[in-house]
């Protein structure tokens, strides 16, 4: 997701992995290509998670997480 287009900067919360999954993945990125050098922060939570997407982030990547809700 492109920050400012697909998702707005701010703080978001998820209840954790989607039903049936042991963990999920998220990453804040410096560019729209998911190269390891472009990862600002990432995690694979097994439960609830809260992240803050900065206005300077270029992209947010997520997989297997329940919906992210802006708080």
N, C-alpha and C. Protein backbone atom coordinates (compact mmCIF):
# COMPACT_ATOMS: atom_id res chain seq x y z
N UNK A 1 0.84 -1.16 0.00
CA UNK A 1 0.00 0.00 0.00
C UNK A 1 0.89 1.24 0.00
N UNK A 2 0.58 2.17 -0.85
CA UNK A 2 1.34 3.42 -0.93
C UNK A 2 0.79 4.39 0.12
N UNK A 3 1.67 4.92 0.96
CA UNK A 3 1.28 5.86 2.00
C UNK A 3 0.84 7.17 1.34
N UNK A 4 -0.30 7.68 1.79
CA UNK A 4 -0.87 8.90 1.23
C UNK A 4 -1.82 8.63 0.08
N UNK A 5 -1.81 7.40 -0.45
CA UNK A 5 -2.71 7.02 -1.55
C UNK A 5 -3.64 5.90 -1.08
N UNK A 6 -3.06 4.76 -0.72
CA UNK A 6 -3.83 3.59 -0.29
C UNK A 6 -4.09 3.56 1.21
N UNK A 7 -3.21 4.20 1.96
CA UNK A 7 -3.33 4.27 3.42
C UNK A 7 -2.75 5.60 3.87
N UNK A 8 -3.40 6.22 4.84
CA UNK A 8 -2.96 7.52 5.33
C UNK A 8 -2.03 7.36 6.53
N UNK A 9 -1.10 8.30 6.72
CA UNK A 9 -0.25 8.24 7.92
C UNK A 9 -1.13 8.24 9.17
N UNK A 10 -0.63 7.63 10.21
CA UNK A 10 -1.37 7.59 11.47
C UNK A 10 -1.09 6.30 12.21
N UNK A 11 -1.80 6.11 13.30
CA UNK A 11 -1.65 4.93 14.13
C UNK A 11 -2.77 3.96 13.81
N UNK A 12 -2.40 2.70 13.64
CA UNK A 12 -3.34 1.64 13.27
C UNK A 12 -3.19 0.47 14.22
N UNK A 13 -4.29 -0.26 14.39
CA UNK A 13 -4.30 -1.42 15.27
C UNK A 13 -4.93 -2.61 14.55
N UNK A 14 -4.41 -3.80 14.80
CA UNK A 14 -5.00 -5.04 14.32
C UNK A 14 -5.19 -5.97 15.51
N UNK A 15 -6.18 -6.85 15.41
CA UNK A 15 -6.39 -7.82 16.48
C UNK A 15 -5.38 -8.95 16.40
N UNK A 16 -4.60 -8.99 15.32
CA UNK A 16 -3.56 -10.00 15.16
C UNK A 16 -3.74 -10.77 13.88
N UNK A 17 -3.25 -11.99 13.84
CA UNK A 17 -3.35 -12.79 12.63
C UNK A 17 -4.80 -13.07 12.25
N UNK A 18 -5.04 -13.22 10.96
CA UNK A 18 -6.36 -13.62 10.48
C UNK A 18 -6.68 -15.01 11.04
N UNK A 19 -7.93 -15.33 11.10
CA UNK A 19 -8.38 -16.60 11.65
C UNK A 19 -7.63 -17.78 11.04
N UNK A 20 -7.11 -18.62 11.90
CA UNK A 20 -6.43 -19.83 11.46
C UNK A 20 -4.94 -19.69 11.20
N UNK A 21 -4.42 -18.47 11.28
CA UNK A 21 -2.99 -18.26 11.04
C UNK A 21 -2.27 -18.06 12.37
N UNK A 22 -1.04 -18.58 12.50
CA UNK A 22 -0.31 -18.44 13.75
C UNK A 22 0.32 -17.05 13.95
N UNK A 23 0.58 -16.35 12.86
CA UNK A 23 1.20 -15.02 12.91
C UNK A 23 0.86 -14.28 11.63
N UNK A 24 1.10 -12.99 11.64
CA UNK A 24 0.94 -12.20 10.42
C UNK A 24 2.19 -11.35 10.24
N UNK A 25 2.24 -10.55 9.19
CA UNK A 25 3.44 -9.77 8.87
C UNK A 25 3.05 -8.35 8.52
N UNK A 26 3.86 -7.40 8.97
CA UNK A 26 3.73 -6.02 8.52
C UNK A 26 5.12 -5.40 8.37
N UNK A 27 5.21 -4.39 7.50
CA UNK A 27 6.47 -3.66 7.32
C UNK A 27 6.18 -2.24 6.87
N UNK A 28 6.92 -1.30 7.44
CA UNK A 28 6.93 0.09 6.97
C UNK A 28 8.14 0.21 6.05
N UNK A 29 7.95 0.84 4.89
CA UNK A 29 9.00 0.85 3.87
C UNK A 29 9.40 2.25 3.42
N UNK A 30 10.67 2.40 3.04
CA UNK A 30 11.20 3.66 2.50
C UNK A 30 10.89 3.85 1.03
N UNK A 31 10.49 2.77 0.35
CA UNK A 31 10.15 2.86 -1.08
C UNK A 31 9.01 1.90 -1.35
N UNK A 32 8.54 1.89 -2.56
CA UNK A 32 7.43 1.00 -2.92
C UNK A 32 7.91 -0.39 -3.34
N UNK A 33 9.21 -0.60 -3.36
CA UNK A 33 9.72 -1.94 -3.64
C UNK A 33 10.16 -2.57 -2.32
N UNK A 34 9.75 -3.80 -2.04
CA UNK A 34 10.02 -4.40 -0.74
C UNK A 34 11.43 -5.00 -0.61
N UNK A 35 12.44 -4.22 -0.92
CA UNK A 35 13.82 -4.69 -0.74
C UNK A 35 14.18 -4.62 0.74
N UNK A 36 14.97 -5.57 1.23
CA UNK A 36 15.34 -5.56 2.65
C UNK A 36 15.94 -4.23 3.11
N UNK A 37 16.70 -3.57 2.28
CA UNK A 37 17.33 -2.30 2.67
C UNK A 37 16.30 -1.18 2.85
N UNK A 38 15.10 -1.35 2.31
CA UNK A 38 14.06 -0.32 2.39
C UNK A 38 13.11 -0.50 3.58
N UNK A 39 13.33 -1.53 4.38
CA UNK A 39 12.47 -1.77 5.53
C UNK A 39 12.86 -0.84 6.67
N UNK A 40 11.90 -0.04 7.12
CA UNK A 40 12.11 0.85 8.27
C UNK A 40 11.90 0.05 9.55
N UNK A 41 10.81 -0.70 9.58
CA UNK A 41 10.47 -1.54 10.73
C UNK A 41 9.55 -2.64 10.23
N UNK A 42 9.61 -3.79 10.90
CA UNK A 42 8.76 -4.91 10.52
C UNK A 42 8.56 -5.82 11.73
N UNK A 43 7.49 -6.61 11.67
CA UNK A 43 7.23 -7.55 12.75
C UNK A 43 6.32 -8.65 12.25
N UNK A 44 6.28 -9.74 13.01
CA UNK A 44 5.38 -10.86 12.73
C UNK A 44 4.61 -11.15 14.02
N UNK A 45 3.61 -10.32 14.35
CA UNK A 45 2.90 -10.49 15.61
C UNK A 45 2.05 -11.76 15.64
N UNK A 46 1.95 -12.34 16.83
CA UNK A 46 1.10 -13.51 17.04
C UNK A 46 -0.18 -13.11 17.76
N UNK A 47 -0.29 -11.81 18.09
CA UNK A 47 -1.46 -11.28 18.78
C UNK A 47 -1.69 -9.85 18.34
N UNK A 48 -2.46 -9.09 19.11
CA UNK A 48 -2.75 -7.70 18.75
C UNK A 48 -1.48 -6.89 18.52
N UNK A 49 -1.56 -5.94 17.59
CA UNK A 49 -0.41 -5.09 17.27
C UNK A 49 -0.88 -3.69 16.95
N UNK A 50 -0.04 -2.73 17.28
CA UNK A 50 -0.29 -1.32 16.96
C UNK A 50 0.95 -0.78 16.27
N UNK A 51 0.74 -0.06 15.17
CA UNK A 51 1.86 0.55 14.45
C UNK A 51 1.53 2.00 14.14
N UNK A 52 2.56 2.81 13.93
CA UNK A 52 2.37 4.18 13.49
C UNK A 52 3.07 4.36 12.16
N UNK A 53 2.30 4.70 11.15
CA UNK A 53 2.83 4.97 9.82
C UNK A 53 3.13 6.46 9.75
N UNK A 54 4.39 6.80 9.50
CA UNK A 54 4.84 8.19 9.47
C UNK A 54 4.55 8.81 8.09
N UNK A 55 4.36 10.12 8.05
CA UNK A 55 4.15 10.79 6.76
C UNK A 55 5.33 10.60 5.80
N UNK A 56 6.50 10.31 6.34
CA UNK A 56 7.69 10.12 5.51
C UNK A 56 7.82 8.69 4.98
N UNK A 57 7.02 7.75 5.52
CA UNK A 57 7.03 6.38 5.00
C UNK A 57 6.49 6.40 3.57
N UNK A 58 7.03 5.56 2.71
CA UNK A 58 6.57 5.50 1.32
C UNK A 58 5.53 4.40 1.10
N UNK A 59 5.64 3.30 1.87
CA UNK A 59 4.71 2.19 1.68
C UNK A 59 4.54 1.41 2.97
N UNK A 60 3.44 0.67 3.03
CA UNK A 60 3.13 -0.22 4.13
C UNK A 60 2.75 -1.56 3.53
N UNK A 61 3.40 -2.62 4.00
CA UNK A 61 3.14 -3.96 3.49
C UNK A 61 2.60 -4.81 4.63
N UNK A 62 1.57 -5.61 4.35
CA UNK A 62 1.02 -6.49 5.37
C UNK A 62 0.51 -7.76 4.72
N UNK A 63 0.54 -8.83 5.49
CA UNK A 63 0.07 -10.12 4.97
C UNK A 63 -0.42 -10.97 6.13
N UNK A 64 -1.61 -11.53 6.00
CA UNK A 64 -2.13 -12.45 6.98
C UNK A 64 -2.67 -11.83 8.25
N UNK A 65 -2.71 -10.50 8.32
CA UNK A 65 -3.24 -9.83 9.52
C UNK A 65 -4.74 -9.56 9.34
N UNK A 66 -5.44 -9.55 10.45
CA UNK A 66 -6.82 -9.07 10.43
C UNK A 66 -6.78 -7.60 10.02
N UNK A 67 -7.92 -7.02 9.70
CA UNK A 67 -7.97 -5.64 9.22
C UNK A 67 -7.25 -4.68 10.17
N UNK A 68 -6.55 -3.72 9.56
CA UNK A 68 -5.90 -2.64 10.32
C UNK A 68 -6.93 -1.51 10.44
N UNK A 69 -7.18 -1.07 11.66
CA UNK A 69 -8.15 -0.02 11.94
C UNK A 69 -7.40 1.21 12.48
N UNK A 70 -7.69 2.39 11.88
CA UNK A 70 -7.04 3.61 12.34
C UNK A 70 -7.61 4.01 13.70
N UNK A 71 -6.70 4.34 14.63
CA UNK A 71 -7.12 4.71 15.99
C UNK A 71 -6.90 6.18 16.26
